[in-house]
Amino acid sequence: MSLKNGDKAPSFKLKDQNGKTISLKEFVGKNVVLYFYPKDDTSGCTAEACNFRDEFPKFENINAVILGVSPDSVQSHKKFVDKYNLPFSLLSDEGKEALNAYEVWKEKSMYGRKYMGVERTTFIIDGNGKIKKIFNKVKVQDHNKEVFEAIKDENTSKKN
């Protein structure tokens, strides 16, 4: 069963970097950028988070919330948020409930070794909880810009 555009986004309840429980239904009426990433404070994940941080005001202007999800602990997320001054929530999914529900916990391979890990993926979820766009196997460079454009284009087409 593969998630696709138009599907209802799987619900979740995960703790953020401050230990507060966050659920998808809190964001009804807003665009949600739900991005899954492998690990706090690694080069690609740091670049992705900082790119979203640097464009954060633009996302707020188009009624969008940014949520990052990884299997790291609440404490790890807290350090990561504080170190890079991230203005959005990072959600801890140590139990991998959301990672599995969104089908991003996959077998990966590096140097011939197979292991389970997060496939970097971003979902845009509309204000009604439906998946509007899925970015698979994300390349970090300029990803924040393509996500912003996808939401902006969606908002523009609704007004016309």
C-alpha atoms as a PDB file:
ATOM      1  CA  MET A   1       0.000   0.000   0.000  1.00  0.00           C
ATOM      2  CA  SER A   2       1.759   3.100  -1.200  1.00  0.00           C
ATOM      3  CA  LEU A   3       0.756   6.606  -0.162  1.00  0.00           C
ATOM      4  CA  LYS A   4      -0.069   8.946  -3.024  1.00  0.00           C
ATOM      5  CA  ASN A   5      -1.334  12.456  -3.682  1.00  0.00           C
ATOM      6  CA  GLY A   6      -4.957  12.839  -2.591  1.00  0.00           C
ATOM      7  CA  ASP A   7      -4.719  10.203   0.165  1.00  0.00           C
ATOM      8  CA  LYS A   8      -5.627  11.103   3.730  1.00  0.00           C
ATOM      9  CA  ALA A   9      -2.379  11.685   5.596  1.00  0.00           C
ATOM     10  CA  PRO A  10      -1.781   9.124   8.361  1.00  0.00           C
ATOM     11  CA  SER A  11      -2.397  10.663  11.779  1.00  0.00           C
ATOM     12  CA  PHE A  12       0.320  10.672  14.429  1.00  0.00           C
ATOM     13  CA  LYS A  13       1.044  11.774  17.973  1.00  0.00           C
ATOM     14  CA  LEU A  14       4.736  12.412  18.604  1.00  0.00           C
ATOM     15  CA  LYS A  15       6.747  14.380  21.160  1.00  0.00           C
ATOM     16  CA  ASP A  16       8.600  17.502  20.013  1.00  0.00           C
ATOM     17  CA  GLN A  17      11.980  18.734  21.225  1.00  0.00           C
ATOM     18  CA  ASN A  18      10.327  20.124  24.393  1.00  0.00           C
ATOM     19  CA  GLY A  19       8.485  16.894  25.218  1.00  0.00           C
ATOM     20  CA  LYS A  20       5.112  18.322  24.088  1.00  0.00           C
ATOM     21  CA  THR A  21       2.843  15.902  22.205  1.00  0.00           C
ATOM     22  CA  ILE A  22       2.072  17.114  18.692  1.00  0.00           C
ATOM     23  CA  SER A  23      -0.573  15.586  16.438  1.00  0.00           C
ATOM     24  CA  LEU A  24      -1.414  16.232  12.807  1.00  0.00           C
ATOM     25  CA  LYS A  25      -5.015  17.239  13.614  1.00  0.00           C
ATOM     26  CA  GLU A  26      -3.731  20.339  15.469  1.00  0.00           C
ATOM     27  CA  PHE A  27      -2.977  21.874  12.076  1.00  0.00           C
ATOM     28  CA  VAL A  28      -6.387  21.700  10.389  1.00  0.00           C
ATOM     29  CA  GLY A  29      -6.683  24.667   8.031  1.00  0.00           C
ATOM     30  CA  LYS A  30      -2.918  24.976   7.552  1.00  0.00           C
ATOM     31  CA  ASN A  31      -0.486  23.554   5.034  1.00  0.00           C
ATOM     32  CA  VAL A  32       1.873  21.121   6.768  1.00  0.00           C
ATOM     33  CA  VAL A  33       5.385  20.462   5.504  1.00  0.00           C
ATOM     34  CA  LEU A  34       6.175  17.100   7.081  1.00  0.00           C
ATOM     35  CA  TYR A  35       9.765  16.222   6.342  1.00  0.00           C
ATOM     36  CA  PHE A  36      11.392  12.963   7.384  1.00  0.00           C
ATOM     37  CA  TYR A  37      15.150  12.900   7.797  1.00  0.00           C
ATOM     38  CA  PRO A  38      17.680  10.292   8.992  1.00  0.00           C
ATOM     39  CA  LYS A  39      19.624  11.858  11.882  1.00  0.00           C
ATOM     40  CA  ASP A  40      20.104  15.062  13.880  1.00  0.00           C
ATOM     41  CA  ASP A  41      23.323  17.029  13.438  1.00  0.00           C
ATOM     42  CA  THR A  42      24.619  15.192  10.374  1.00  0.00           C
ATOM     43  CA  SER A  43      25.705  17.179   7.327  1.00  0.00           C
ATOM     44  CA  GLY A  44      22.715  16.623   4.999  1.00  0.00           C
ATOM     45  CA  CYS A  45      20.129  16.808   7.771  1.00  0.00           C
ATOM     46  CA  THR A  46      21.656  19.971   9.194  1.00  0.00           C
ATOM     47  CA  ALA A  47      21.694  21.609   5.751  1.00  0.00           C
ATOM     48  CA  GLU A  48      18.038  20.651   5.176  1.00  0.00           C
ATOM     49  CA  ALA A  49      16.921  21.965   8.592  1.00  0.00           C
ATOM     50  CA  CYS A  50      18.898  25.206   8.220  1.00  0.00           C
ATOM     51  CA  ASN A  51      17.482  25.787   4.725  1.00  0.00           C
ATOM     52  CA  PHE A  52      13.943  25.498   6.128  1.00  0.00           C
ATOM     53  CA  ARG A  53      14.988  27.745   9.037  1.00  0.00           C
ATOM     54  CA  ASP A  54      16.323  30.427   6.705  1.00  0.00           C
ATOM     55  CA  GLU A  55      13.074  30.484   4.699  1.00  0.00           C
ATOM     56  CA  PHE A  56      10.758  30.038   7.712  1.00  0.00           C
ATOM     57  CA  PRO A  57       9.078  33.497   7.509  1.00  0.00           C
ATOM     58  CA  LYS A  58       8.145  32.827   3.862  1.00  0.00           C
ATOM     59  CA  PHE A  59       6.429  29.586   4.891  1.00  0.00           C
ATOM     60  CA  GLU A  60       4.521  31.375   7.645  1.00  0.00           C
ATOM     61  CA  ASN A  61       3.302  33.881   5.031  1.00  0.00           C
ATOM     62  CA  ILE A  62       1.670  31.068   3.024  1.00  0.00           C
ATOM     63  CA  ASN A  63      -0.036  29.503   6.070  1.00  0.00           C
ATOM     64  CA  ALA A  64       2.448  26.620   6.304  1.00  0.00           C
ATOM     65  CA  VAL A  65       3.800  24.777   9.336  1.00  0.00           C
ATOM     66  CA  ILE A  66       7.105  22.896   9.145  1.00  0.00           C
ATOM     67  CA  LEU A  67       7.576  19.678  11.121  1.00  0.00           C
ATOM     68  CA  GLY A  68      10.714  17.544  10.957  1.00  0.00           C
ATOM     69  CA  VAL A  69      10.575  13.863  11.988  1.00  0.00           C
ATOM     70  CA  SER A  70      13.381  11.425  12.713  1.00  0.00           C
ATOM     71  CA  PRO A  71      13.913   8.419  14.985  1.00  0.00           C
ATOM     72  CA  ASP A  72      16.191  10.502  17.242  1.00  0.00           C
ATOM     73  CA  SER A  73      15.256  11.134  20.887  1.00  0.00           C
ATOM     74  CA  VAL A  74      13.549  14.229  22.289  1.00  0.00           C
ATOM     75  CA  GLN A  75      16.877  15.163  23.950  1.00  0.00           C
ATOM     76  CA  SER A  76      18.761  14.846  20.655  1.00  0.00           C
ATOM     77  CA  HIS A  77      16.172  17.067  18.944  1.00  0.00           C
ATOM     78  CA  LYS A  78      16.444  19.649  21.746  1.00  0.00           C
ATOM     79  CA  LYS A  79      20.227  19.912  21.251  1.00  0.00           C
ATOM     80  CA  PHE A  80      19.815  20.117  17.466  1.00  0.00           C
ATOM     81  CA  VAL A  81      17.133  22.843  17.670  1.00  0.00           C
ATOM     82  CA  ASP A  82      19.165  24.859  20.169  1.00  0.00           C
ATOM     83  CA  LYS A  83      22.453  24.507  18.264  1.00  0.00           C
ATOM     84  CA  TYR A  84      20.971  25.750  14.972  1.00  0.00           C
ATOM     85  CA  ASN A  85      18.217  28.012  16.347  1.00  0.00           C
ATOM     86  CA  LEU A  86      15.466  26.145  14.486  1.00  0.00           C
ATOM     87  CA  PRO A  87      12.081  27.929  14.714  1.00  0.00           C
ATOM     88  CA  PHE A  88       9.945  24.824  14.056  1.00  0.00           C
ATOM     89  CA  SER A  89       9.238  21.551  15.823  1.00  0.00           C
ATOM     90  CA  LEU A  90      11.254  18.384  15.410  1.00  0.00           C
ATOM     91  CA  LEU A  91       9.294  15.276  16.319  1.00  0.00           C
ATOM     92  CA  SER A  92      10.825  12.198  17.888  1.00  0.00           C
ATOM     93  CA  ASP A  93       9.660   8.883  16.447  1.00  0.00           C
ATOM     94  CA  GLU A  94      11.819   6.389  18.325  1.00  0.00           C
ATOM     95  CA  GLY A  95       9.016   3.800  18.016  1.00  0.00           C
ATOM     96  CA  LYS A  96       8.898   4.409  14.248  1.00  0.00           C
ATOM     97  CA  GLU A  97       5.071   4.631  14.149  1.00  0.00           C
ATOM     98  CA  ALA A  98       4.975   7.641  11.784  1.00  0.00           C
ATOM     99  CA  LEU A  99       8.060   6.471   9.878  1.00  0.00           C
ATOM    100  CA  ASN A 100       6.243   3.223   9.078  1.00  0.00           C
ATOM    101  CA  ALA A 101       2.834   4.861   8.490  1.00  0.00           C
ATOM    102  CA  TYR A 102       4.404   7.229   5.953  1.00  0.00           C
ATOM    103  CA  GLU A 103       6.458   4.373   4.462  1.00  0.00           C
ATOM    104  CA  VAL A 104       9.828   6.103   4.859  1.00  0.00           C
ATOM    105  CA  TRP A 105      11.493   3.459   7.113  1.00  0.00           C
ATOM    106  CA  LYS A 106      13.193   1.405   4.408  1.00  0.00           C
ATOM    107  CA  GLU A 107      16.021  -0.950   3.712  1.00  0.00           C
ATOM    108  CA  LYS A 108      19.001   1.067   2.574  1.00  0.00           C
ATOM    109  CA  SER A 109      22.421   0.090   1.347  1.00  0.00           C
ATOM    110  CA  MET A 110      25.794   1.730   1.854  1.00  0.00           C
ATOM    111  CA  TYR A 111      29.115   0.233   0.779  1.00  0.00           C
ATOM    112  CA  GLY A 112      27.329  -3.064   0.151  1.00  0.00           C
ATOM    113  CA  ARG A 113      25.942  -3.212   3.695  1.00  0.00           C
ATOM    114  CA  LYS A 114      22.157  -3.354   4.059  1.00  0.00           C
ATOM    115  CA  TYR A 115      20.443  -1.658   6.992  1.00  0.00           C
ATOM    116  CA  MET A 116      17.118  -0.064   7.932  1.00  0.00           C
ATOM    117  CA  GLY A 117      16.915   3.717   7.912  1.00  0.00           C
ATOM    118  CA  VAL A 118      14.912   6.791   6.987  1.00  0.00           C
ATOM    119  CA  GLU A 119      14.581   7.604   3.308  1.00  0.00           C
ATOM    120  CA  ARG A 120      14.617  11.405   3.181  1.00  0.00           C
ATOM    121  CA  THR A 121      11.059  12.284   2.125  1.00  0.00           C
ATOM    122  CA  THR A 122       8.817  15.352   2.390  1.00  0.00           C
ATOM    123  CA  PHE A 123       5.021  15.409   2.385  1.00  0.00           C
ATOM    124  CA  ILE A 124       2.902  18.508   1.829  1.00  0.00           C
ATOM    125  CA  ILE A 125      -0.405  18.018   3.621  1.00  0.00           C
ATOM    126  CA  ASP A 126      -3.263  20.452   3.008  1.00  0.00           C
ATOM    127  CA  GLY A 127      -5.582  22.025   5.582  1.00  0.00           C
ATOM    128  CA  ASN A 128      -8.015  19.106   5.241  1.00  0.00           C
ATOM    129  CA  GLY A 129      -5.389  16.480   6.085  1.00  0.00           C
ATOM    130  CA  LYS A 130      -4.922  15.277   2.515  1.00  0.00           C
ATOM    131  CA  ILE A 131      -1.517  14.626   0.940  1.00  0.00           C
ATOM    132  CA  LYS A 132      -0.983  17.239  -1.773  1.00  0.00           C
ATOM    133  CA  LYS A 133       2.553  16.366  -2.850  1.00  0.00           C
ATOM    134  CA  ILE A 134       5.246  13.839  -1.989  1.00  0.00           C
ATOM    135  CA  PHE A 135       8.948  14.462  -2.558  1.00  0.00           C
ATOM    136  CA  ASN A 136      10.760  11.084  -2.522  1.00  0.00           C
ATOM    137  CA  LYS A 137      14.509  10.583  -2.081  1.00  0.00           C
ATOM    138  CA  VAL A 138      14.966  14.296  -1.438  1.00  0.00           C
ATOM    139  CA  LYS A 139      18.144  16.059  -2.513  1.00  0.00           C
ATOM    140  CA  VAL A 140      18.818  18.680   0.162  1.00  0.00           C
ATOM    141  CA  GLN A 141      20.107  21.456  -2.116  1.00  0.00           C
ATOM    142  CA  ASP A 142      17.251  23.939  -2.749  1.00  0.00           C
ATOM    143  CA  HIS A 143      14.629  21.460  -1.492  1.00  0.00           C
ATOM    144  CA  ASN A 144      13.115  24.177   0.725  1.00  0.00           C
ATOM    145  CA  LYS A 145      12.551  26.322  -2.382  1.00  0.00           C
ATOM    146  CA  GLU A 146      10.761  23.565  -4.330  1.00  0.00           C
ATOM    147  CA  VAL A 147       8.526  22.846  -1.308  1.00  0.00           C
ATOM    148  CA  PHE A 148       7.720  26.556  -0.952  1.00  0.00           C
ATOM    149  CA  GLU A 149       6.895  26.859  -4.666  1.00  0.00           C
ATOM    150  CA  ALA A 150       4.621  23.782  -4.541  1.00  0.00           C
ATOM    151  CA  ILE A 151       2.583  25.263  -1.665  1.00  0.00           C
ATOM    152  CA  LYS A 152       2.538  28.737  -3.191  1.00  0.00           C
ATOM    153  CA  ASP A 153       1.364  27.352  -6.540  1.00  0.00           C
ATOM    154  CA  GLU A 154      -1.366  25.332  -4.774  1.00  0.00           C
ATOM    155  CA  ASN A 155      -2.533  28.431  -2.855  1.00  0.00           C
ATOM    156  CA  THR A 156      -2.536  30.521  -6.044  1.00  0.00           C
ATOM    157  CA  SER A 157      -4.596  27.971  -7.979  1.00  0.00           C
ATOM    158  CA  LYS A 158      -7.201  27.896  -5.168  1.00  0.00           C
ATOM    159  CA  LYS A 159      -7.660  31.682  -5.425  1.00  0.00           C
ATOM    160  CA  ASN A 160      -8.160  31.619  -9.218  1.00  0.00           C
END
